[in-house]
Every structure is written in C-alpha cells, then in structure tokens.
C-alpha cells in the first residue's frame, strides 16, 4: 500500500486506481507482458455522447511505454476500434516478437569499441584514420 501511494513507476498509484474506479473504466484485456488495458465506460464530458472514450494502460512493473505492443498501441490511440482480445492483428511471417526499448540497460546494443562492453573496448584503431588538412 505504501509503495502504491508514492511510486508511480511501479504499476498503478492510488490516484490512477481512483480515477479508473471513478470513471467506471472496464478491463478490456491484458498483453503477454502482464500490462492491463482499460476503457472508460461512458463519455468524459457532458454532452459528448458518441465521442471516443478514454483508454488507459496500467503497466505490470516498470512504467515503460515501449513495452506496449503495436496492436495494443493502435487500440490505445483509437487506430483500431476493436481491442486485440476481440480482433487480433494478423501476424505476418516477417514480423518479430515485440521487444521493449533496451537503452540504458545491460541488454542495450554496444558497438565494437564501446566502453560499455563487458570485455572492454575492442581495438578499433586498425581501420580508423583521423582527418587532417594534409589528407585532402
């Protein structure tokens, strides 16, 4: 309960839970990472009947927007009317599984010569020639 009051980056806060309850949001579905998706039951403003309803994602764990798969992203932004639980996107043979953004984590890509490599930087001086005016 204490962490829910003060840590917005770790699942939902008390304020978000209250807003979901107050708006009468219904759970639409979850994705393979455990993120939960909600849609507002009624219209947000008086006189706005027939308009789009607000949609939310409550992250499972760290709140990282790159963890939202493309089909749920499309639903959140009203690109798709039906949720992926009702009308899943057709998976094509060339598509890969969704991966979150790994920047800043130990799993991030580090090119040859990077200081962040576990074995230390590789010797990249063999194919590097510094620019100088005489080389022009």
Protein backbone atom coordinates (compact mmCIF):
# COMPACT_ATOMS: atom_id res chain seq x y z
CA UNK A 1 0.00 0.00 0.00
CA UNK A 2 2.83 2.43 0.87
CA UNK A 3 4.56 1.85 -2.46
CA UNK A 4 1.26 2.38 -4.30
CA UNK A 5 0.98 5.87 -2.76
CA UNK A 6 4.41 7.10 -3.77
CA UNK A 7 5.89 5.08 -6.65
CA UNK A 8 4.26 5.97 -9.95
CA UNK A 9 6.86 3.99 -11.93
CA UNK A 10 5.91 0.69 -10.31
CA UNK A 11 2.42 -0.39 -11.52
CA UNK A 12 -0.53 1.86 -10.65
CA UNK A 13 -0.74 4.58 -8.00
CA UNK A 14 -3.65 5.19 -5.68
CA UNK A 15 -4.65 8.20 -7.83
CA UNK A 16 -4.75 6.12 -11.01
CA UNK A 17 -6.77 3.40 -9.30
CA UNK A 18 -9.19 6.03 -8.01
CA UNK A 19 -9.53 7.59 -11.48
CA UNK A 20 -10.22 4.21 -13.06
CA UNK A 21 -12.86 3.50 -10.42
CA UNK A 22 -14.42 6.99 -10.68
CA UNK A 23 -14.64 6.86 -14.50
CA UNK A 24 -16.14 3.38 -14.36
CA UNK A 25 -13.33 2.02 -16.50
CA UNK A 26 -13.68 -1.59 -17.52
CA UNK A 27 -10.82 -4.00 -18.04
CA UNK A 28 -10.55 -4.73 -21.75
CA UNK A 29 -7.64 -7.13 -21.68
CA UNK A 30 -4.02 -7.85 -20.87
CA UNK A 31 -0.99 -8.40 -23.07
CA UNK A 32 1.72 -11.05 -22.87
CA UNK A 33 3.81 -8.85 -20.54
CA UNK A 34 1.00 -8.51 -17.99
CA UNK A 35 0.05 -4.90 -18.81
CA UNK A 36 -3.68 -4.25 -18.27
CA UNK A 37 -5.77 -2.11 -20.62
CA UNK A 38 -8.89 -0.19 -19.60
CA UNK A 39 -11.58 1.79 -21.38
CA UNK A 40 -13.85 4.44 -19.89
CA UNK A 41 -17.43 3.24 -19.53
CA UNK A 42 -19.16 6.50 -20.50
CA UNK A 43 -18.27 9.81 -22.14
CA UNK A 44 -15.74 12.05 -20.42
CA UNK A 45 -17.67 15.30 -20.66
CA UNK A 46 -21.37 16.11 -20.50
CA UNK A 47 -22.79 16.47 -24.00
CA UNK A 48 -20.00 14.46 -25.59
CA UNK A 49 -22.03 11.34 -26.25
CA UNK A 50 -20.94 9.44 -29.31
CA UNK A 51 -17.31 10.54 -29.00
CA UNK A 52 -14.40 8.28 -28.30
CA UNK A 53 -13.87 7.03 -24.78
CA UNK A 54 -10.61 7.40 -22.93
CA UNK A 55 -8.31 4.41 -22.79
CA UNK A 56 -5.56 3.59 -20.29
CA UNK A 57 -2.72 1.16 -19.80
CA UNK A 58 -1.60 0.08 -16.34
CA UNK A 59 1.89 -1.34 -16.61
CA UNK A 60 2.93 -4.54 -14.92
CA UNK A 61 6.18 -3.49 -13.25
CA UNK A 62 8.19 -0.56 -14.57
CA UNK A 63 6.13 2.03 -16.47
CA UNK A 64 7.97 1.96 -19.81
CA UNK A 65 5.86 2.99 -22.83
CA UNK A 66 8.00 0.97 -25.24
CA UNK A 67 6.61 -2.15 -23.53
CA UNK A 68 3.21 -1.59 -25.21
CA UNK A 69 2.93 -3.96 -28.22
CA UNK A 70 1.88 -2.47 -31.56
CA UNK A 71 -1.62 -3.94 -31.58
CA UNK A 72 -2.41 -2.51 -28.13
CA UNK A 73 -0.75 0.80 -29.09
CA UNK A 74 -3.11 1.06 -32.03
CA UNK A 75 -6.08 0.37 -29.78
CA UNK A 76 -4.96 2.94 -27.18
CA UNK A 77 -4.68 5.64 -29.86
CA UNK A 78 -8.03 4.73 -31.48
CA UNK A 79 -6.38 3.45 -34.66
CA UNK A 80 -8.24 0.18 -34.12
CA UNK A 81 -11.77 0.25 -32.76
CA UNK A 82 -11.74 -3.34 -31.55
CA UNK A 83 -9.29 -4.43 -28.86
CA UNK A 84 -6.71 -7.11 -29.78
CA UNK A 85 -8.58 -9.51 -27.50
CA UNK A 86 -11.61 -9.23 -29.82
CA UNK A 87 -9.92 -8.72 -33.22
CA UNK A 88 -6.22 -9.64 -33.06
CA UNK A 89 -3.90 -8.32 -35.77
CA UNK A 90 -2.91 -10.85 -38.39
CA UNK A 91 0.68 -11.91 -37.75
CA UNK A 92 2.89 -11.88 -40.84
CA UNK A 93 5.82 -14.24 -41.36
CA UNK A 94 8.46 -11.49 -41.31
CA UNK A 95 7.28 -9.92 -38.03
CA UNK A 96 9.34 -10.43 -34.89
CA UNK A 97 8.13 -10.62 -31.31
CA UNK A 98 7.81 -7.30 -29.51
CA UNK A 99 10.89 -6.17 -27.59
CA UNK A 100 10.95 -3.22 -25.21
CA UNK A 101 13.50 -0.44 -25.52
CA UNK A 102 16.74 -1.73 -24.00
CA UNK A 103 18.58 1.61 -23.97
CA UNK A 104 20.23 2.21 -20.60
CA UNK A 105 20.04 -1.44 -19.55
CA UNK A 106 22.73 -4.13 -19.56
CA UNK A 107 20.99 -5.64 -22.61
CA UNK A 108 21.47 -2.49 -24.71
CA UNK A 109 23.36 -2.69 -28.01
CA UNK A 110 27.02 -1.68 -27.72
CA UNK A 111 29.03 -1.45 -30.95
CA UNK A 112 32.62 -2.58 -31.35
CA UNK A 113 34.84 -0.14 -29.48
CA UNK A 114 32.22 0.82 -26.90
CA UNK A 115 33.49 1.47 -23.40
CA UNK A 116 30.40 -0.26 -22.02
CA UNK A 117 31.33 -3.71 -23.35
CA UNK A 118 31.92 -6.36 -20.69
CA UNK A 119 35.33 -7.31 -22.13
CA UNK A 120 36.36 -3.69 -22.52
CA UNK A 121 36.63 -1.75 -25.77
CA UNK A 122 37.97 -3.55 -28.82
CA UNK A 123 40.93 -2.13 -30.67
CA UNK A 124 39.34 -0.10 -33.44
CA UNK A 125 42.45 1.85 -34.46
CA UNK A 126 43.23 -0.62 -37.26
CA UNK A 127 40.56 0.84 -39.56
CA UNK A 128 40.45 4.44 -38.34
CA UNK A 129 42.31 7.31 -39.94
CA UNK A 130 41.96 10.72 -38.30
CA UNK A 131 41.16 13.63 -40.60
CA UNK A 132 43.81 16.22 -41.17
CA UNK A 133 44.06 19.03 -43.77
CA UNK A 134 47.04 17.31 -45.43
CA UNK A 135 44.88 14.26 -46.28
CA UNK A 136 42.58 16.31 -48.53
